[in-house]
Amino acid sequence: EEITASTSSFRSSFTIQLAQVSTVLYPQRNLTPSRGSSVKLSCEAHYDFKQCSAVHVVWCKNTVLELTDPSKYLTTVNETVMDGNIRRRQVVTEILNLAPEDNGQFQCKAACDGGASAMGHFIRINVKAKPQDRKLNCTVSCLKVKITITYLVMLKGKWLLRVFLYYC
């Protein structure tokens, strides 16, 4: 049997020989979601139930950390019988309220109770700042004893121009 990870949006794939899991599938990609948003990672494992009666399929960050914290990750598992002894297990993990500490590489891992396991392609997440999180340019000008500071600020979803006058 073999494990094959392939992409739906890209054409790359790889194959690892294993005896108990027949395929692990999910797309390889780089994601740049906004801070505060969420992103869903989805993979599926096809396996022979007679050879691998218990399979553990989970998303991991940086190869080792399983995404299991229920306050940060929402995971849905769906399993269907395909042909004969072949089953399809789909695991979708949603990373909630993304922050810069969520940046990293993510992989789906499938492991059989017999010890065989494999990890698929990397998905890289780079959380980008919201527009209001970005530093804004300030203009400072001094005319004799007057200093003017002009800058933009986002308030309740609208950009506002703020001007402050200071006298020396």
N, C-alpha and C. Protein backbone atom coordinates (compact mmCIF):
# COMPACT_ATOMS: atom_id res chain seq x y z
N GLU A 1 0.84 -1.18 0.00
CA GLU A 1 0.00 0.00 0.00
C GLU A 1 0.89 1.24 0.00
N GLU A 2 0.33 2.39 -0.33
CA GLU A 2 1.14 3.61 -0.35
C GLU A 2 0.33 4.77 0.19
N ILE A 3 1.05 5.76 0.69
CA ILE A 3 0.43 7.02 1.08
C ILE A 3 0.75 8.01 -0.02
N THR A 4 -0.24 8.69 -0.52
CA THR A 4 -0.03 9.68 -1.55
C THR A 4 -0.65 10.97 -1.09
N ALA A 5 0.13 12.02 -1.04
CA ALA A 5 -0.42 13.35 -0.75
C ALA A 5 -0.36 14.13 -2.04
N SER A 6 -1.45 14.73 -2.42
CA SER A 6 -1.45 15.50 -3.65
C SER A 6 -2.30 16.74 -3.45
N THR A 7 -2.23 17.64 -4.40
CA THR A 7 -2.94 18.89 -4.26
C THR A 7 -4.08 18.97 -5.26
N SER A 8 -5.09 19.75 -4.91
CA SER A 8 -6.16 19.98 -5.86
C SER A 8 -5.92 21.27 -6.64
N SER A 9 -5.32 22.28 -6.00
CA SER A 9 -5.09 23.54 -6.69
C SER A 9 -3.71 23.57 -7.34
N PHE A 10 -2.79 22.76 -6.88
CA PHE A 10 -1.46 22.63 -7.46
C PHE A 10 -1.34 21.22 -8.02
N ARG A 11 -0.34 20.99 -8.83
CA ARG A 11 -0.18 19.68 -9.44
C ARG A 11 0.94 18.86 -8.79
N SER A 12 1.46 19.27 -7.65
CA SER A 12 2.54 18.52 -7.03
C SER A 12 1.99 17.39 -6.17
N SER A 13 2.79 16.34 -6.00
CA SER A 13 2.38 15.23 -5.16
C SER A 13 3.62 14.46 -4.72
N PHE A 14 3.44 13.59 -3.73
CA PHE A 14 4.51 12.70 -3.34
C PHE A 14 3.92 11.39 -2.87
N THR A 15 4.74 10.36 -2.83
CA THR A 15 4.28 9.04 -2.42
C THR A 15 5.23 8.47 -1.38
N ILE A 16 4.66 7.90 -0.30
CA ILE A 16 5.43 7.21 0.72
C ILE A 16 4.86 5.81 0.83
N GLN A 17 5.71 4.80 0.81
CA GLN A 17 5.23 3.42 0.92
C GLN A 17 4.93 3.08 2.38
N LEU A 18 3.71 2.64 2.65
CA LEU A 18 3.30 2.17 3.97
C LEU A 18 2.39 0.97 3.79
N ALA A 19 2.31 0.15 4.78
CA ALA A 19 1.51 -1.07 4.65
C ALA A 19 0.05 -0.88 5.06
N GLN A 20 -0.27 0.10 5.92
CA GLN A 20 -1.61 0.12 6.49
C GLN A 20 -2.51 1.26 6.03
N VAL A 21 -1.96 2.39 5.64
CA VAL A 21 -2.76 3.51 5.17
C VAL A 21 -2.54 3.59 3.66
N SER A 22 -3.62 3.69 2.89
CA SER A 22 -3.40 3.69 1.46
C SER A 22 -3.14 5.09 0.90
N THR A 23 -3.86 6.13 1.33
CA THR A 23 -3.58 7.47 0.82
C THR A 23 -3.90 8.54 1.85
N VAL A 24 -3.15 9.62 1.80
CA VAL A 24 -3.44 10.84 2.56
C VAL A 24 -3.45 11.96 1.54
N LEU A 25 -4.53 12.73 1.50
CA LEU A 25 -4.69 13.75 0.45
C LEU A 25 -5.04 15.10 1.04
N TYR A 26 -4.36 16.14 0.57
CA TYR A 26 -4.76 17.52 0.85
C TYR A 26 -3.90 18.46 0.04
N PRO A 27 -4.38 19.68 -0.21
CA PRO A 27 -3.63 20.62 -1.05
C PRO A 27 -2.42 21.22 -0.34
N GLN A 28 -1.38 21.45 -1.10
CA GLN A 28 -0.20 22.15 -0.59
C GLN A 28 -0.37 23.61 -0.99
N ARG A 29 -0.15 24.51 -0.03
CA ARG A 29 -0.32 25.94 -0.37
C ARG A 29 0.28 26.82 0.71
N ASN A 30 0.41 28.10 0.36
CA ASN A 30 0.80 29.14 1.31
C ASN A 30 -0.42 30.01 1.53
N LEU A 31 -0.73 30.29 2.78
CA LEU A 31 -1.90 31.10 3.11
C LEU A 31 -1.44 32.38 3.82
N THR A 32 -2.10 33.50 3.51
CA THR A 32 -1.81 34.77 4.19
C THR A 32 -3.13 35.39 4.65
N PRO A 33 -3.77 34.79 5.63
CA PRO A 33 -5.02 35.33 6.15
C PRO A 33 -4.77 36.57 7.02
N SER A 34 -5.80 37.35 7.24
CA SER A 34 -5.70 38.54 8.08
C SER A 34 -5.79 38.18 9.55
N ARG A 35 -5.15 38.98 10.35
CA ARG A 35 -5.21 38.84 11.80
C ARG A 35 -6.67 38.92 12.24
N GLY A 36 -7.08 38.03 13.15
CA GLY A 36 -8.44 38.01 13.65
C GLY A 36 -9.39 37.14 12.85
N SER A 37 -8.99 36.75 11.65
CA SER A 37 -9.84 35.88 10.83
C SER A 37 -9.59 34.43 11.21
N SER A 38 -10.20 33.50 10.48
CA SER A 38 -9.96 32.08 10.72
C SER A 38 -9.60 31.42 9.40
N VAL A 39 -9.00 30.24 9.48
CA VAL A 39 -8.64 29.48 8.29
C VAL A 39 -8.93 28.01 8.55
N LYS A 40 -9.38 27.29 7.52
CA LYS A 40 -9.67 25.86 7.64
C LYS A 40 -8.61 25.06 6.92
N LEU A 41 -8.10 24.03 7.62
CA LEU A 41 -7.16 23.08 7.04
C LEU A 41 -7.89 21.76 6.89
N SER A 42 -7.86 21.17 5.71
CA SER A 42 -8.61 19.94 5.46
C SER A 42 -7.70 18.89 4.85
N CYS A 43 -7.78 17.67 5.36
CA CYS A 43 -7.06 16.55 4.76
C CYS A 43 -7.92 15.31 4.88
N GLU A 44 -7.58 14.31 4.09
CA GLU A 44 -8.31 13.04 4.20
C GLU A 44 -7.33 11.90 4.08
N ALA A 45 -7.66 10.82 4.79
CA ALA A 45 -6.86 9.59 4.75
C ALA A 45 -7.74 8.47 4.26
N HIS A 46 -7.26 7.73 3.28
CA HIS A 46 -7.93 6.52 2.80
C HIS A 46 -7.14 5.36 3.36
N TYR A 47 -7.82 4.43 4.01
CA TYR A 47 -7.09 3.32 4.63
C TYR A 47 -7.91 2.04 4.60
N ASP A 48 -7.23 0.92 4.72
CA ASP A 48 -7.85 -0.39 4.75
C ASP A 48 -8.17 -0.73 6.21
N PHE A 49 -9.44 -0.81 6.53
CA PHE A 49 -9.88 -1.03 7.90
C PHE A 49 -9.38 -2.38 8.45
N LYS A 50 -9.25 -3.37 7.62
CA LYS A 50 -8.78 -4.69 8.09
C LYS A 50 -7.30 -4.64 8.49
N GLN A 51 -6.51 -3.81 7.82
CA GLN A 51 -5.08 -3.70 8.14
C GLN A 51 -4.81 -2.63 9.20
N CYS A 52 -5.69 -1.66 9.29
CA CYS A 52 -5.50 -0.52 10.19
C CYS A 52 -6.84 -0.25 10.87
N SER A 53 -7.17 -1.02 11.90
CA SER A 53 -8.49 -0.91 12.51
C SER A 53 -8.72 0.42 13.24
N ALA A 54 -7.64 1.05 13.70
CA ALA A 54 -7.75 2.36 14.35
C ALA A 54 -6.73 3.29 13.70
N VAL A 55 -7.22 4.39 13.15
CA VAL A 55 -6.33 5.37 12.52
C VAL A 55 -6.53 6.71 13.23
N HIS A 56 -5.44 7.40 13.45
CA HIS A 56 -5.47 8.73 14.09
C HIS A 56 -5.01 9.72 13.04
N VAL A 57 -5.88 10.65 12.66
CA VAL A 57 -5.56 11.67 11.66
C VAL A 57 -5.69 13.01 12.34
N VAL A 58 -4.63 13.83 12.29
CA VAL A 58 -4.62 15.10 13.01
C VAL A 58 -3.71 16.09 12.30
N TRP A 59 -4.06 17.38 12.42
CA TRP A 59 -3.20 18.45 11.92
C TRP A 59 -2.17 18.81 12.98
N CYS A 60 -0.94 19.06 12.55
CA CYS A 60 0.16 19.42 13.45
C CYS A 60 0.80 20.72 12.99
N LYS A 61 1.28 21.50 13.94
CA LYS A 61 2.04 22.72 13.65
C LYS A 61 3.51 22.42 13.86
N ASN A 62 4.33 22.84 12.90
CA ASN A 62 5.79 22.66 12.96
C ASN A 62 6.15 21.21 13.27
N THR A 63 5.46 20.29 12.64
CA THR A 63 5.69 18.85 12.63
C THR A 63 5.27 18.11 13.90
N VAL A 64 5.30 18.72 15.07
CA VAL A 64 5.09 17.96 16.30
C VAL A 64 3.87 18.37 17.13
N LEU A 65 3.48 19.62 17.13
CA LEU A 65 2.41 20.10 18.01
C LEU A 65 1.04 19.81 17.39
N GLU A 66 0.28 18.88 17.99
CA GLU A 66 -1.05 18.56 17.50
C GLU A 66 -2.02 19.69 17.84
N LEU A 67 -2.86 20.06 16.90
CA LEU A 67 -3.82 21.15 17.08
C LEU A 67 -5.06 20.62 17.79
N THR A 68 -5.05 20.66 19.12
CA THR A 68 -6.13 20.05 19.89
C THR A 68 -6.81 21.00 20.88
N ASP A 69 -6.28 22.19 21.10
CA ASP A 69 -6.86 23.13 22.08
C ASP A 69 -8.24 23.59 21.58
N PRO A 70 -9.34 23.21 22.25
CA PRO A 70 -10.68 23.55 21.76
C PRO A 70 -11.00 25.04 21.81
N SER A 71 -10.25 25.83 22.56
CA SER A 71 -10.50 27.27 22.56
C SER A 71 -9.83 27.95 21.36
N LYS A 72 -8.93 27.26 20.68
CA LYS A 72 -8.20 27.83 19.54
C LYS A 72 -8.52 27.12 18.23
N TYR A 73 -8.86 25.82 18.31
CA TYR A 73 -9.06 25.01 17.11
C TYR A 73 -10.41 24.30 17.16
N LEU A 74 -11.11 24.30 16.04
CA LEU A 74 -12.37 23.58 15.91
C LEU A 74 -12.14 22.48 14.87
N THR A 75 -12.21 21.22 15.30
CA THR A 75 -11.92 20.09 14.41
C THR A 75 -13.17 19.27 14.17
N THR A 76 -13.41 18.96 12.90
CA THR A 76 -14.53 18.12 12.48
C THR A 76 -13.97 16.89 11.79
N VAL A 77 -14.48 15.71 12.17
CA VAL A 77 -14.03 14.45 11.57
C VAL A 77 -15.23 13.79 10.92
N ASN A 78 -15.04 13.34 9.69
CA ASN A 78 -16.10 12.65 8.95
C ASN A 78 -15.49 11.39 8.35
N GLU A 79 -16.14 10.25 8.54
CA GLU A 79 -15.62 9.00 7.98
C GLU A 79 -16.70 8.30 7.18
N THR A 80 -16.33 7.81 6.00
CA THR A 80 -17.26 7.08 5.15
C THR A 80 -16.61 5.79 4.66
N VAL A 81 -17.44 4.80 4.38
CA VAL A 81 -16.97 3.54 3.80
C VAL A 81 -16.97 3.72 2.29
N MET A 82 -15.85 3.36 1.68
CA MET A 82 -15.75 3.47 0.22
C MET A 82 -16.02 2.10 -0.40
N ASP A 83 -15.02 1.41 -0.85
CA ASP A 83 -15.17 0.08 -1.45
C ASP A 83 -14.62 -0.98 -0.52
N GLY A 84 -15.40 -1.99 -0.21
CA GLY A 84 -14.92 -3.11 0.61
C GLY A 84 -14.45 -2.65 1.97
N ASN A 85 -13.17 -2.85 2.25
CA ASN A 85 -12.59 -2.48 3.54
C ASN A 85 -11.99 -1.08 3.56
N ILE A 86 -12.07 -0.36 2.45
CA ILE A 86 -11.44 0.96 2.35
C ILE A 86 -12.37 2.01 2.97
N ARG A 87 -11.80 2.80 3.85
CA ARG A 87 -12.54 3.90 4.48
C ARG A 87 -11.84 5.22 4.17
N ARG A 88 -12.64 6.28 4.20
CA ARG A 88 -12.15 7.64 3.96
C ARG A 88 -12.42 8.45 5.21
N ARG A 89 -11.36 8.96 5.85
CA ARG A 89 -11.53 9.82 7.02
C ARG A 89 -11.09 11.23 6.64
N GLN A 90 -12.02 12.18 6.76
CA GLN A 90 -11.72 13.58 6.47
C GLN A 90 -11.62 14.33 7.80
N VAL A 91 -10.55 15.11 7.96
CA VAL A 91 -10.34 15.91 9.16
C VAL A 91 -10.21 17.37 8.73
N VAL A 92 -11.09 18.22 9.25
CA VAL A 92 -11.05 19.66 8.97
C VAL A 92 -10.81 20.36 10.29
N THR A 93 -9.71 21.10 10.37
CA THR A 93 -9.40 21.87 11.58
C THR A 93 -9.43 23.35 11.22
N GLU A 94 -10.27 24.10 11.94
CA GLU A 94 -10.36 25.55 11.75
C GLU A 94 -9.54 26.22 12.84
N ILE A 95 -8.61 27.07 12.43
CA ILE A 95 -7.82 27.85 13.38
C ILE A 95 -8.57 29.16 13.58
N LEU A 96 -8.99 29.43 14.80
CA LEU A 96 -9.83 30.57 15.12
C LEU A 96 -9.00 31.78 15.53
N ASN A 97 -9.52 32.97 15.23
CA ASN A 97 -8.94 34.23 15.68
C ASN A 97 -7.42 34.27 15.47
N LEU A 98 -7.01 34.21 14.22
CA LEU A 98 -5.59 34.14 13.88
C LEU A 98 -4.80 35.33 14.42
N ALA A 99 -3.59 35.03 14.88
CA ALA A 99 -2.67 36.02 15.42
C ALA A 99 -1.28 35.69 14.91
N PRO A 100 -0.32 36.62 15.02
CA PRO A 100 1.04 36.35 14.53
C PRO A 100 1.66 35.07 15.10
N GLU A 101 1.31 34.69 16.32
CA GLU A 101 1.88 33.45 16.88
C GLU A 101 1.36 32.20 16.17
N ASP A 102 0.36 32.34 15.29
CA ASP A 102 -0.12 31.21 14.50
C ASP A 102 0.69 31.01 13.22
N ASN A 103 1.62 31.89 12.92
CA ASN A 103 2.48 31.71 11.76
C ASN A 103 3.25 30.40 11.90
N GLY A 104 3.42 29.70 10.81
CA GLY A 104 4.20 28.47 10.85
C GLY A 104 3.85 27.52 9.74
N GLN A 105 4.37 26.31 9.85
CA GLN A 105 4.14 25.25 8.88
C GLN A 105 3.21 24.21 9.49
N PHE A 106 2.22 23.78 8.73
CA PHE A 106 1.23 22.84 9.21
C PHE A 106 1.23 21.61 8.30
N GLN A 107 1.07 20.43 8.92
CA GLN A 107 1.02 19.17 8.18
C GLN A 107 -0.08 18.29 8.77
N CYS A 108 -0.64 17.46 7.93
CA CYS A 108 -1.59 16.46 8.38
C CYS A 108 -0.84 15.16 8.61
N LYS A 109 -1.11 14.52 9.75
CA LYS A 109 -0.45 13.27 10.11
C LYS A 109 -1.49 12.18 10.22
N ALA A 110 -1.21 11.03 9.61
CA ALA A 110 -2.07 9.85 9.73
C ALA A 110 -1.23 8.74 10.34
N ALA A 111 -1.77 8.12 11.39
CA ALA A 111 -1.03 7.04 12.06
C ALA A 111 -1.99 5.88 12.34
N CYS A 112 -1.55 4.68 12.00
CA CYS A 112 -2.32 3.46 12.28
C CYS A 112 -1.93 2.91 13.64
N ASP A 113 -2.84 2.12 14.21
CA ASP A 113 -2.56 1.49 15.50
C ASP A 113 -1.37 0.53 15.41
N GLY A 114 -1.03 0.07 14.23
CA GLY A 114 0.10 -0.83 14.05
C GLY A 114 1.44 -0.11 14.02
N GLY A 115 1.43 1.22 14.10
CA GLY A 115 2.67 1.99 14.15
C GLY A 115 3.03 2.71 12.87
N ALA A 116 2.46 2.34 11.74
CA ALA A 116 2.76 3.03 10.48
C ALA A 116 2.17 4.43 10.52
N SER A 117 2.94 5.41 10.04
CA SER A 117 2.44 6.78 9.99
C SER A 117 3.10 7.54 8.86
N ALA A 118 2.51 8.66 8.50
CA ALA A 118 3.07 9.53 7.47
C ALA A 118 2.53 10.93 7.66
N MET A 119 3.32 11.90 7.20
CA MET A 119 2.88 13.29 7.22
C MET A 119 2.97 13.82 5.79
N GLY A 120 2.02 14.67 5.43
CA GLY A 120 1.95 15.17 4.06
C GLY A 120 2.71 16.46 3.85
N HIS A 121 2.35 17.13 2.78
CA HIS A 121 2.96 18.41 2.40
C HIS A 121 2.80 19.45 3.50
N PHE A 122 3.66 20.46 3.46
CA PHE A 122 3.51 21.60 4.36
C PHE A 122 2.49 22.58 3.81
N ILE A 123 1.69 23.14 4.70
CA ILE A 123 0.90 24.33 4.40
C ILE A 123 1.49 25.42 5.27
N ARG A 124 1.89 26.51 4.66
CA ARG A 124 2.50 27.61 5.41
C ARG A 124 1.47 28.70 5.62
N ILE A 125 1.39 29.17 6.87
CA ILE A 125 0.47 30.27 7.21
C ILE A 125 1.31 31.44 7.68
N ASN A 126 1.04 32.61 7.08
CA ASN A 126 1.68 33.86 7.47
C ASN A 126 0.57 34.88 7.70
N VAL A 127 0.24 35.12 8.94
CA VAL A 127 -0.86 36.03 9.29
C VAL A 127 -0.44 37.46 9.00
N LYS A 128 -1.26 38.16 8.24
CA LYS A 128 -0.95 39.55 7.91
C LYS A 128 -1.77 40.49 8.80
N ALA A 129 -1.22 41.66 9.00
CA ALA A 129 -1.87 42.66 9.84
C ALA A 129 -3.10 43.22 9.14
N LYS A 130 -4.11 43.58 9.93
CA LYS A 130 -5.25 44.30 9.39
C LYS A 130 -4.78 45.70 9.02
N PRO A 131 -5.50 46.38 8.10
CA PRO A 131 -5.06 47.74 7.73
C PRO A 131 -4.88 48.67 8.92
N GLN A 132 -5.76 48.57 9.93
CA GLN A 132 -5.63 49.48 11.08
C GLN A 132 -4.48 49.07 12.00
N ASP A 133 -3.89 47.87 11.81
CA ASP A 133 -2.75 47.46 12.61
C ASP A 133 -1.44 48.02 12.07
N ARG A 134 -1.45 48.47 10.83
CA ARG A 134 -0.23 48.97 10.21
C ARG A 134 0.12 50.33 10.76
N LYS A 135 1.42 50.60 10.84
CA LYS A 135 1.85 51.92 11.28
C LYS A 135 1.55 52.93 10.18
N LEU A 136 1.06 54.07 10.58
CA LEU A 136 0.71 55.10 9.61
C LEU A 136 1.78 56.19 9.60
N ASN A 137 1.99 56.74 8.42
CA ASN A 137 2.98 57.80 8.29
C ASN A 137 2.45 59.08 8.92
N CYS A 138 3.30 59.76 9.64
CA CYS A 138 2.96 61.04 10.23
C CYS A 138 3.76 62.12 9.52
N THR A 139 3.11 63.25 9.29
CA THR A 139 3.79 64.39 8.69
C THR A 139 3.95 65.44 9.77
N VAL A 140 5.17 65.86 10.01
CA VAL A 140 5.44 66.90 11.01
C VAL A 140 6.10 68.07 10.28
N SER A 141 5.51 69.23 10.43
CA SER A 141 6.11 70.42 9.83
C SER A 141 6.11 71.53 10.87
N CYS A 142 7.14 72.34 10.82
CA CYS A 142 7.27 73.42 11.79
C CYS A 142 7.45 74.73 11.03
N LEU A 143 6.58 75.67 11.30
CA LEU A 143 6.66 76.99 10.69
C LEU A 143 6.73 78.00 11.82
N LYS A 144 7.92 78.55 12.01
CA LYS A 144 8.22 79.46 13.11
C LYS A 144 7.93 78.76 14.43
N VAL A 145 6.83 79.04 15.11
CA VAL A 145 6.57 78.45 16.41
C VAL A 145 5.38 77.49 16.38
N LYS A 146 4.95 77.07 15.19
CA LYS A 146 3.78 76.21 15.08
C LYS A 146 4.21 74.84 14.54
N ILE A 147 3.78 73.77 15.21
CA ILE A 147 4.05 72.40 14.75
C ILE A 147 2.71 71.76 14.42
N THR A 148 2.62 71.19 13.22
CA THR A 148 1.40 70.51 12.77
C THR A 148 1.72 69.03 12.61
N ILE A 149 0.92 68.18 13.25
CA ILE A 149 1.05 66.73 13.09
C ILE A 149 -0.23 66.23 12.44
N THR A 150 -0.08 65.59 11.28
CA THR A 150 -1.21 65.09 10.52
C THR A 150 -1.04 63.58 10.36
N TYR A 151 -2.11 62.82 10.65
CA TYR A 151 -2.05 61.37 10.45
C TYR A 151 -3.45 60.81 10.23
N LEU A 152 -3.49 59.58 9.70
CA LEU A 152 -4.75 58.88 9.48
C LEU A 152 -4.95 57.85 10.59
N VAL A 153 -6.20 57.67 10.99
CA VAL A 153 -6.54 56.66 11.99
C VAL A 153 -7.85 55.99 11.56
N MET A 154 -7.95 54.68 11.81
CA MET A 154 -9.20 53.98 11.50
C MET A 154 -10.05 53.93 12.76
N LEU A 155 -11.30 54.39 12.64
CA LEU A 155 -12.23 54.39 13.75
C LEU A 155 -13.55 53.83 13.26
N LYS A 156 -13.97 52.71 13.85
CA LYS A 156 -15.23 52.06 13.48
C LYS A 156 -15.31 51.79 11.98
N GLY A 157 -14.20 51.31 11.40
CA GLY A 157 -14.18 50.92 9.99
C GLY A 157 -14.03 52.06 9.01
N LYS A 158 -13.82 53.31 9.47
CA LYS A 158 -13.67 54.46 8.57
C LYS A 158 -12.34 55.15 8.86
N TRP A 159 -11.67 55.56 7.78
CA TRP A 159 -10.41 56.30 7.94
C TRP A 159 -10.73 57.76 8.23
N LEU A 160 -10.10 58.30 9.27
CA LEU A 160 -10.28 59.70 9.64
C LEU A 160 -8.94 60.41 9.58
N LEU A 161 -8.95 61.66 9.12
CA LEU A 161 -7.75 62.48 9.10
C LEU A 161 -7.71 63.27 10.40
N ARG A 162 -6.63 63.13 11.15
CA ARG A 162 -6.47 63.86 12.41
C ARG A 162 -5.36 64.87 12.25
N VAL A 163 -5.59 66.07 12.71
CA VAL A 163 -4.59 67.13 12.66
C VAL A 163 -4.46 67.72 14.06
N PHE A 164 -3.25 67.79 14.56
CA PHE A 164 -2.97 68.41 15.86
C PHE A 164 -2.04 69.60 15.63
N LEU A 165 -2.35 70.69 16.26
CA LEU A 165 -1.51 71.91 16.18
C LEU A 165 -0.85 72.12 17.53
N TYR A 166 0.44 72.33 17.49
CA TYR A 166 1.20 72.63 18.71
C TYR A 166 1.94 73.94 18.48
N TYR A 167 1.99 74.72 19.51
CA TYR A 167 2.71 75.99 19.42
C TYR A 167 3.92 75.92 20.32
N CYS A 168 5.07 76.29 19.79
CA CYS A 168 6.32 76.26 20.55
C CYS A 168 6.45 77.50 21.42
